[in-house]
Amino acid sequence: MNLAVVLVWLVVVVSALVQIGVSHGHRQLVQQWQTLEKHSDALQQEQTQLVLELAALTSYSRIDQRARRELNMIEPQQVRILSQ
């Protein structure tokens, strides 16, 4: 009987230790998941910002302004269409 009681207590203690380990591992995974989710949100925000910046930099009015200012380009006075 003494051996059975000791064996039951040993099983209970081992079971408790396993449960503690599983809970700790779960908490670590949840924390890692939350960290990755925050990083994902930051990357999505950065992508949105970059898309907006790209749209602003490639707009036709901006290209036209830079061509006039930096390359001294102007509208032609007369347009001729050549045909074959």
C-alpha atoms as a PDB file:
ATOM      1  CA  MET A   1       0.000   0.000   0.000  1.00  0.00           C
ATOM      2  CA  ASN A   2       2.825   2.416   0.834  1.00  0.00           C
ATOM      3  CA  LEU A   3       4.413   1.803  -2.520  1.00  0.00           C
ATOM      4  CA  ALA A   4       1.112   2.461  -4.302  1.00  0.00           C
ATOM      5  CA  VAL A   5       0.661   5.802  -2.514  1.00  0.00           C
ATOM      6  CA  VAL A   6       4.214   6.849  -3.334  1.00  0.00           C
ATOM      7  CA  LEU A   7       3.706   5.815  -6.938  1.00  0.00           C
ATOM      8  CA  VAL A   8       0.447   7.799  -7.201  1.00  0.00           C
ATOM      9  CA  TRP A   9       2.126  10.888  -5.703  1.00  0.00           C
ATOM     10  CA  LEU A  10       5.015  10.502  -8.117  1.00  0.00           C
ATOM     11  CA  VAL A  11       2.601  10.342 -11.053  1.00  0.00           C
ATOM     12  CA  VAL A  12       0.744  13.439  -9.760  1.00  0.00           C
ATOM     13  CA  VAL A  13       3.997  15.411  -9.377  1.00  0.00           C
ATOM     14  CA  VAL A  14       5.250  14.404 -12.822  1.00  0.00           C
ATOM     15  CA  SER A  15       1.877  15.274 -14.325  1.00  0.00           C
ATOM     16  CA  ALA A  16       1.961  18.690 -12.635  1.00  0.00           C
ATOM     17  CA  LEU A  17       5.476  19.359 -13.914  1.00  0.00           C
ATOM     18  CA  VAL A  18       4.451  18.394 -17.452  1.00  0.00           C
ATOM     19  CA  GLN A  19       1.432  20.714 -17.207  1.00  0.00           C
ATOM     20  CA  ILE A  20       3.678  23.567 -16.046  1.00  0.00           C
ATOM     21  CA  GLY A  21       6.030  22.966 -18.968  1.00  0.00           C
ATOM     22  CA  VAL A  22       3.180  22.872 -21.483  1.00  0.00           C
ATOM     23  CA  SER A  23       1.643  26.084 -20.064  1.00  0.00           C
ATOM     24  CA  HIS A  24       4.991  27.855 -20.173  1.00  0.00           C
ATOM     25  CA  GLY A  25       5.576  26.756 -23.761  1.00  0.00           C
ATOM     26  CA  HIS A  26       2.089  27.961 -24.710  1.00  0.00           C
ATOM     27  CA  ARG A  27       2.725  31.383 -23.133  1.00  0.00           C
ATOM     28  CA  GLN A  28       5.992  31.705 -25.030  1.00  0.00           C
ATOM     29  CA  LEU A  29       4.286  30.837 -28.325  1.00  0.00           C
ATOM     30  CA  VAL A  30       1.499  33.350 -27.690  1.00  0.00           C
ATOM     31  CA  GLN A  31       4.071  36.037 -26.883  1.00  0.00           C
ATOM     32  CA  GLN A  32       6.036  35.213 -30.041  1.00  0.00           C
ATOM     33  CA  TRP A  33       2.828  35.282 -32.097  1.00  0.00           C
ATOM     34  CA  GLN A  34       1.907  38.718 -30.699  1.00  0.00           C
ATOM     35  CA  THR A  35       5.384  40.034 -31.479  1.00  0.00           C
ATOM     36  CA  LEU A  36       5.176  38.723 -35.046  1.00  0.00           C
ATOM     37  CA  GLU A  37       1.699  40.188 -35.440  1.00  0.00           C
ATOM     38  CA  LYS A  38       2.968  43.623 -34.352  1.00  0.00           C
ATOM     39  CA  HIS A  39       5.851  43.307 -36.822  1.00  0.00           C
ATOM     40  CA  SER A  40       3.409  42.325 -39.565  1.00  0.00           C
ATOM     41  CA  ASP A  41       1.241  45.365 -38.815  1.00  0.00           C
ATOM     42  CA  ALA A  42       4.298  47.634 -38.951  1.00  0.00           C
ATOM     43  CA  LEU A  43       5.335  46.135 -42.311  1.00  0.00           C
ATOM     44  CA  GLN A  44       1.834  46.605 -43.711  1.00  0.00           C
ATOM     45  CA  GLN A  45       1.852  50.227 -42.594  1.00  0.00           C
ATOM     46  CA  GLU A  46       5.272  50.734 -44.199  1.00  0.00           C
ATOM     47  CA  GLN A  47       4.054  49.139 -47.447  1.00  0.00           C
ATOM     48  CA  THR A  48       1.035  51.438 -47.529  1.00  0.00           C
ATOM     49  CA  GLN A  49       3.297  54.441 -46.971  1.00  0.00           C
ATOM     50  CA  LEU A  50       5.655  53.308 -49.743  1.00  0.00           C
ATOM     51  CA  VAL A  51       2.774  52.774 -52.183  1.00  0.00           C
ATOM     52  CA  LEU A  52       1.527  56.295 -51.496  1.00  0.00           C
ATOM     53  CA  GLU A  53       5.042  57.690 -51.876  1.00  0.00           C
ATOM     54  CA  LEU A  54       5.509  55.825 -55.160  1.00  0.00           C
ATOM     55  CA  ALA A  55       2.225  57.185 -56.477  1.00  0.00           C
ATOM     56  CA  ALA A  56       3.284  60.717 -55.566  1.00  0.00           C
ATOM     57  CA  LEU A  57       6.718  60.339 -57.143  1.00  0.00           C
ATOM     58  CA  THR A  58       5.414  58.888 -60.402  1.00  0.00           C
ATOM     59  CA  SER A  59       2.518  61.261 -60.934  1.00  0.00           C
ATOM     60  CA  TYR A  60       2.508  62.912 -64.368  1.00  0.00           C
ATOM     61  CA  SER A  61       2.365  66.435 -62.963  1.00  0.00           C
ATOM     62  CA  ARG A  62       5.489  65.818 -60.850  1.00  0.00           C
ATOM     63  CA  ILE A  63       7.357  64.356 -63.832  1.00  0.00           C
ATOM     64  CA  ASP A  64       6.254  67.295 -65.973  1.00  0.00           C
ATOM     65  CA  GLN A  65       7.416  69.806 -63.343  1.00  0.00           C
ATOM     66  CA  ARG A  66      10.819  68.141 -62.961  1.00  0.00           C
ATOM     67  CA  ALA A  67      11.286  67.957 -66.740  1.00  0.00           C
ATOM     68  CA  ARG A  68      10.563  71.679 -67.047  1.00  0.00           C
ATOM     69  CA  ARG A  69      12.682  72.688 -64.061  1.00  0.00           C
ATOM     70  CA  GLU A  70      15.696  70.365 -64.301  1.00  0.00           C
ATOM     71  CA  LEU A  71      15.874  69.720 -68.045  1.00  0.00           C
ATOM     72  CA  ASN A  72      14.488  73.078 -69.200  1.00  0.00           C
ATOM     73  CA  MET A  73      11.912  71.315 -71.369  1.00  0.00           C
ATOM     74  CA  ILE A  74       9.042  73.293 -72.850  1.00  0.00           C
ATOM     75  CA  GLU A  75       5.887  72.592 -74.816  1.00  0.00           C
ATOM     76  CA  PRO A  76       6.527  72.655 -78.578  1.00  0.00           C
ATOM     77  CA  GLN A  77       5.208  75.719 -80.407  1.00  0.00           C
ATOM     78  CA  GLN A  78       4.153  73.763 -83.404  1.00  0.00           C
ATOM     79  CA  VAL A  79       3.262  70.097 -83.716  1.00  0.00           C
ATOM     80  CA  ARG A  80       3.827  68.293 -86.987  1.00  0.00           C
ATOM     81  CA  ILE A  81       2.644  64.781 -87.692  1.00  0.00           C
ATOM     82  CA  LEU A  82       4.667  62.852 -90.221  1.00  0.00           C
ATOM     83  CA  SER A  83       2.962  60.147 -92.204  1.00  0.00           C
ATOM     84  CA  GLN A  84       4.252  57.632 -94.683  1.00  0.00           C
END
